[in-house]
Amino acid sequence: EAGPRKRVAAGVDGPRLGGAEPHGPVRAAPPIETGQAERLAKLRAWRDQDRVDRHLAGVQKAAAGDGNVLYPMKEALSAGATVGEVCDALREIWGTYAPGGPR
């Protein structure tokens, strides 16, 4: 008789396919990075930072409770928050996943 199933994350607590080692972050070519940095600067100049901050606080409030974070995330992104800022807001509440527990 089989016991309860354990969830296995490939490459973390399960075997790595092909024995490959994890890689570092992928970097874009310098012209692409420059273009993205320019677009980000324009976004930050255009947006209402107080509004972005209020919506990021809403994301954190939902993450700290048992509410759905999807709607506050959508509002923050609509206000001009970046995906990275939303992820940072969530990391402040939830931490970062690491095998064996949060970092």
C-alpha atoms as a PDB file:
ATOM      1  CA  GLU A   1       0.000   0.000   0.000  1.00  0.00           C
ATOM      2  CA  ALA A   2       1.400   3.384  -0.991  1.00  0.00           C
ATOM      3  CA  GLY A   3       1.826   6.145   1.549  1.00  0.00           C
ATOM      4  CA  PRO A   4       1.118   9.847   1.045  1.00  0.00           C
ATOM      5  CA  ARG A   5       2.698  11.338  -2.058  1.00  0.00           C
ATOM      6  CA  LYS A   6       5.549  13.762  -1.545  1.00  0.00           C
ATOM      7  CA  ARG A   7       5.803  16.744  -3.872  1.00  0.00           C
ATOM      8  CA  VAL A   8       9.226  16.760  -5.524  1.00  0.00           C
ATOM      9  CA  ALA A   9      10.783  19.858  -7.077  1.00  0.00           C
ATOM     10  CA  ALA A  10      12.997  18.761  -9.970  1.00  0.00           C
ATOM     11  CA  GLY A  11      16.594  19.764  -9.420  1.00  0.00           C
ATOM     12  CA  VAL A  12      15.928  20.758  -5.807  1.00  0.00           C
ATOM     13  CA  ASP A  13      14.940  17.662  -3.864  1.00  0.00           C
ATOM     14  CA  GLY A  14      14.723  15.381  -6.857  1.00  0.00           C
ATOM     15  CA  PRO A  15      17.193  14.322  -9.527  1.00  0.00           C
ATOM     16  CA  ARG A  16      18.514  16.836 -12.028  1.00  0.00           C
ATOM     17  CA  LEU A  17      17.864  15.926 -15.613  1.00  0.00           C
ATOM     18  CA  GLY A  18      21.105  15.186 -17.407  1.00  0.00           C
ATOM     19  CA  GLY A  19      23.128  16.054 -14.330  1.00  0.00           C
ATOM     20  CA  ALA A  20      23.189  19.722 -15.361  1.00  0.00           C
ATOM     21  CA  GLU A  21      24.226  22.270 -12.783  1.00  0.00           C
ATOM     22  CA  PRO A  22      22.068  25.365 -12.197  1.00  0.00           C
ATOM     23  CA  HIS A  23      22.926  28.412 -14.264  1.00  0.00           C
ATOM     24  CA  GLY A  24      23.187  32.052 -13.249  1.00  0.00           C
ATOM     25  CA  PRO A  25      20.810  34.738 -14.458  1.00  0.00           C
ATOM     26  CA  VAL A  26      20.512  35.230 -18.183  1.00  0.00           C
ATOM     27  CA  ARG A  27      21.661  38.652 -19.357  1.00  0.00           C
ATOM     28  CA  ALA A  28      20.392  40.437 -22.412  1.00  0.00           C
ATOM     29  CA  ALA A  29      22.684  42.055 -24.946  1.00  0.00           C
ATOM     30  CA  PRO A  30      23.847  45.574 -23.906  1.00  0.00           C
ATOM     31  CA  PRO A  31      21.668  47.404 -26.487  1.00  0.00           C
ATOM     32  CA  ILE A  32      18.595  45.573 -25.188  1.00  0.00           C
ATOM     33  CA  GLU A  33      19.499  46.382 -21.568  1.00  0.00           C
ATOM     34  CA  THR A  34      19.973  50.052 -22.490  1.00  0.00           C
ATOM     35  CA  GLY A  35      16.583  50.209 -24.214  1.00  0.00           C
ATOM     36  CA  GLN A  36      14.860  48.567 -21.276  1.00  0.00           C
ATOM     37  CA  ALA A  37      16.537  50.954 -18.814  1.00  0.00           C
ATOM     38  CA  GLU A  38      15.301  53.914 -20.882  1.00  0.00           C
ATOM     39  CA  ARG A  39      11.728  52.552 -20.949  1.00  0.00           C
ATOM     40  CA  LEU A  40      11.855  51.979 -17.186  1.00  0.00           C
ATOM     41  CA  ALA A  41      13.073  55.543 -16.573  1.00  0.00           C
ATOM     42  CA  LYS A  42      10.197  56.912 -18.689  1.00  0.00           C
ATOM     43  CA  LEU A  43       7.680  54.783 -16.785  1.00  0.00           C
ATOM     44  CA  ARG A  44       8.980  55.989 -13.424  1.00  0.00           C
ATOM     45  CA  ALA A  45       8.869  59.615 -14.587  1.00  0.00           C
ATOM     46  CA  TRP A  46       5.280  59.210 -15.873  1.00  0.00           C
ATOM     47  CA  ARG A  47       3.673  57.349 -12.976  1.00  0.00           C
ATOM     48  CA  ASP A  48       2.245  58.708  -9.728  1.00  0.00           C
ATOM     49  CA  GLN A  49       4.661  57.220  -7.182  1.00  0.00           C
ATOM     50  CA  ASP A  50       2.314  57.800  -4.230  1.00  0.00           C
ATOM     51  CA  ARG A  51      -0.391  55.806  -6.033  1.00  0.00           C
ATOM     52  CA  VAL A  52       2.081  53.011  -6.831  1.00  0.00           C
ATOM     53  CA  ASP A  53       3.221  52.906  -3.192  1.00  0.00           C
ATOM     54  CA  ARG A  54      -0.399  52.705  -1.943  1.00  0.00           C
ATOM     55  CA  HIS A  55      -1.132  49.777  -4.243  1.00  0.00           C
ATOM     56  CA  LEU A  56       2.105  47.975  -3.314  1.00  0.00           C
ATOM     57  CA  ALA A  57       1.086  48.371   0.343  1.00  0.00           C
ATOM     58  CA  GLY A  58      -2.236  46.759  -0.608  1.00  0.00           C
ATOM     59  CA  VAL A  59      -0.355  43.832  -2.147  1.00  0.00           C
ATOM     60  CA  GLN A  60       1.574  43.395   1.095  1.00  0.00           C
ATOM     61  CA  LYS A  61      -1.575  43.645   3.211  1.00  0.00           C
ATOM     62  CA  ALA A  62      -3.251  40.907   1.173  1.00  0.00           C
ATOM     63  CA  ALA A  63      -0.095  38.761   1.290  1.00  0.00           C
ATOM     64  CA  ALA A  64       0.140  39.120   5.064  1.00  0.00           C
ATOM     65  CA  GLY A  65      -3.465  37.957   5.516  1.00  0.00           C
ATOM     66  CA  ASP A  66      -5.453  35.227   3.894  1.00  0.00           C
ATOM     67  CA  GLY A  67      -6.858  37.363   1.065  1.00  0.00           C
ATOM     68  CA  ASN A  68      -6.380  36.918  -2.652  1.00  0.00           C
ATOM     69  CA  VAL A  69      -3.283  38.833  -3.822  1.00  0.00           C
ATOM     70  CA  LEU A  70      -4.319  38.747  -7.485  1.00  0.00           C
ATOM     71  CA  TYR A  71      -6.570  41.810  -7.390  1.00  0.00           C
ATOM     72  CA  PRO A  72      -4.157  44.064  -5.456  1.00  0.00           C
ATOM     73  CA  MET A  73      -1.358  42.926  -7.803  1.00  0.00           C
ATOM     74  CA  LYS A  74      -3.467  43.853 -10.826  1.00  0.00           C
ATOM     75  CA  GLU A  75      -4.198  47.286  -9.335  1.00  0.00           C
ATOM     76  CA  ALA A  76      -0.520  47.900  -8.558  1.00  0.00           C
ATOM     77  CA  LEU A  77       0.518  46.952 -12.087  1.00  0.00           C
ATOM     78  CA  SER A  78      -2.228  49.157 -13.549  1.00  0.00           C
ATOM     79  CA  ALA A  79      -0.908  52.045 -11.441  1.00  0.00           C
ATOM     80  CA  GLY A  80       2.520  51.608 -13.048  1.00  0.00           C
ATOM     81  CA  ALA A  81       4.322  49.323 -10.609  1.00  0.00           C
ATOM     82  CA  THR A  82       6.840  47.025 -12.243  1.00  0.00           C
ATOM     83  CA  VAL A  83       6.725  43.249 -11.928  1.00  0.00           C
ATOM     84  CA  GLY A  84       9.988  43.477  -9.975  1.00  0.00           C
ATOM     85  CA  GLU A  85       8.456  45.927  -7.487  1.00  0.00           C
ATOM     86  CA  VAL A  86       5.452  43.649  -6.974  1.00  0.00           C
ATOM     87  CA  CYS A  87       7.788  40.670  -6.456  1.00  0.00           C
ATOM     88  CA  ASP A  88       9.861  42.683  -3.957  1.00  0.00           C
ATOM     89  CA  ALA A  89       6.685  43.583  -2.044  1.00  0.00           C
ATOM     90  CA  LEU A  90       5.723  39.905  -1.863  1.00  0.00           C
ATOM     91  CA  ARG A  91       9.249  38.841  -0.858  1.00  0.00           C
ATOM     92  CA  GLU A  92       9.115  41.251   2.096  1.00  0.00           C
ATOM     93  CA  ILE A  93       6.099  39.348   3.417  1.00  0.00           C
ATOM     94  CA  TRP A  94       6.656  35.777   2.229  1.00  0.00           C
ATOM     95  CA  GLY A  95      10.447  35.619   1.963  1.00  0.00           C
ATOM     96  CA  THR A  96      12.297  33.742  -0.769  1.00  0.00           C
ATOM     97  CA  TYR A  97      11.896  30.037  -1.416  1.00  0.00           C
ATOM     98  CA  ALA A  98      14.906  27.932  -0.581  1.00  0.00           C
ATOM     99  CA  PRO A  99      15.055  24.166  -0.207  1.00  0.00           C
ATOM    100  CA  GLY A 100      14.605  23.416   3.463  1.00  0.00           C
ATOM    101  CA  GLY A 101      12.869  26.695   4.343  1.00  0.00           C
ATOM    102  CA  PRO A 102      12.770  30.440   3.657  1.00  0.00           C
ATOM    103  CA  ARG A 103      15.930  32.502   3.448  1.00  0.00           C
END
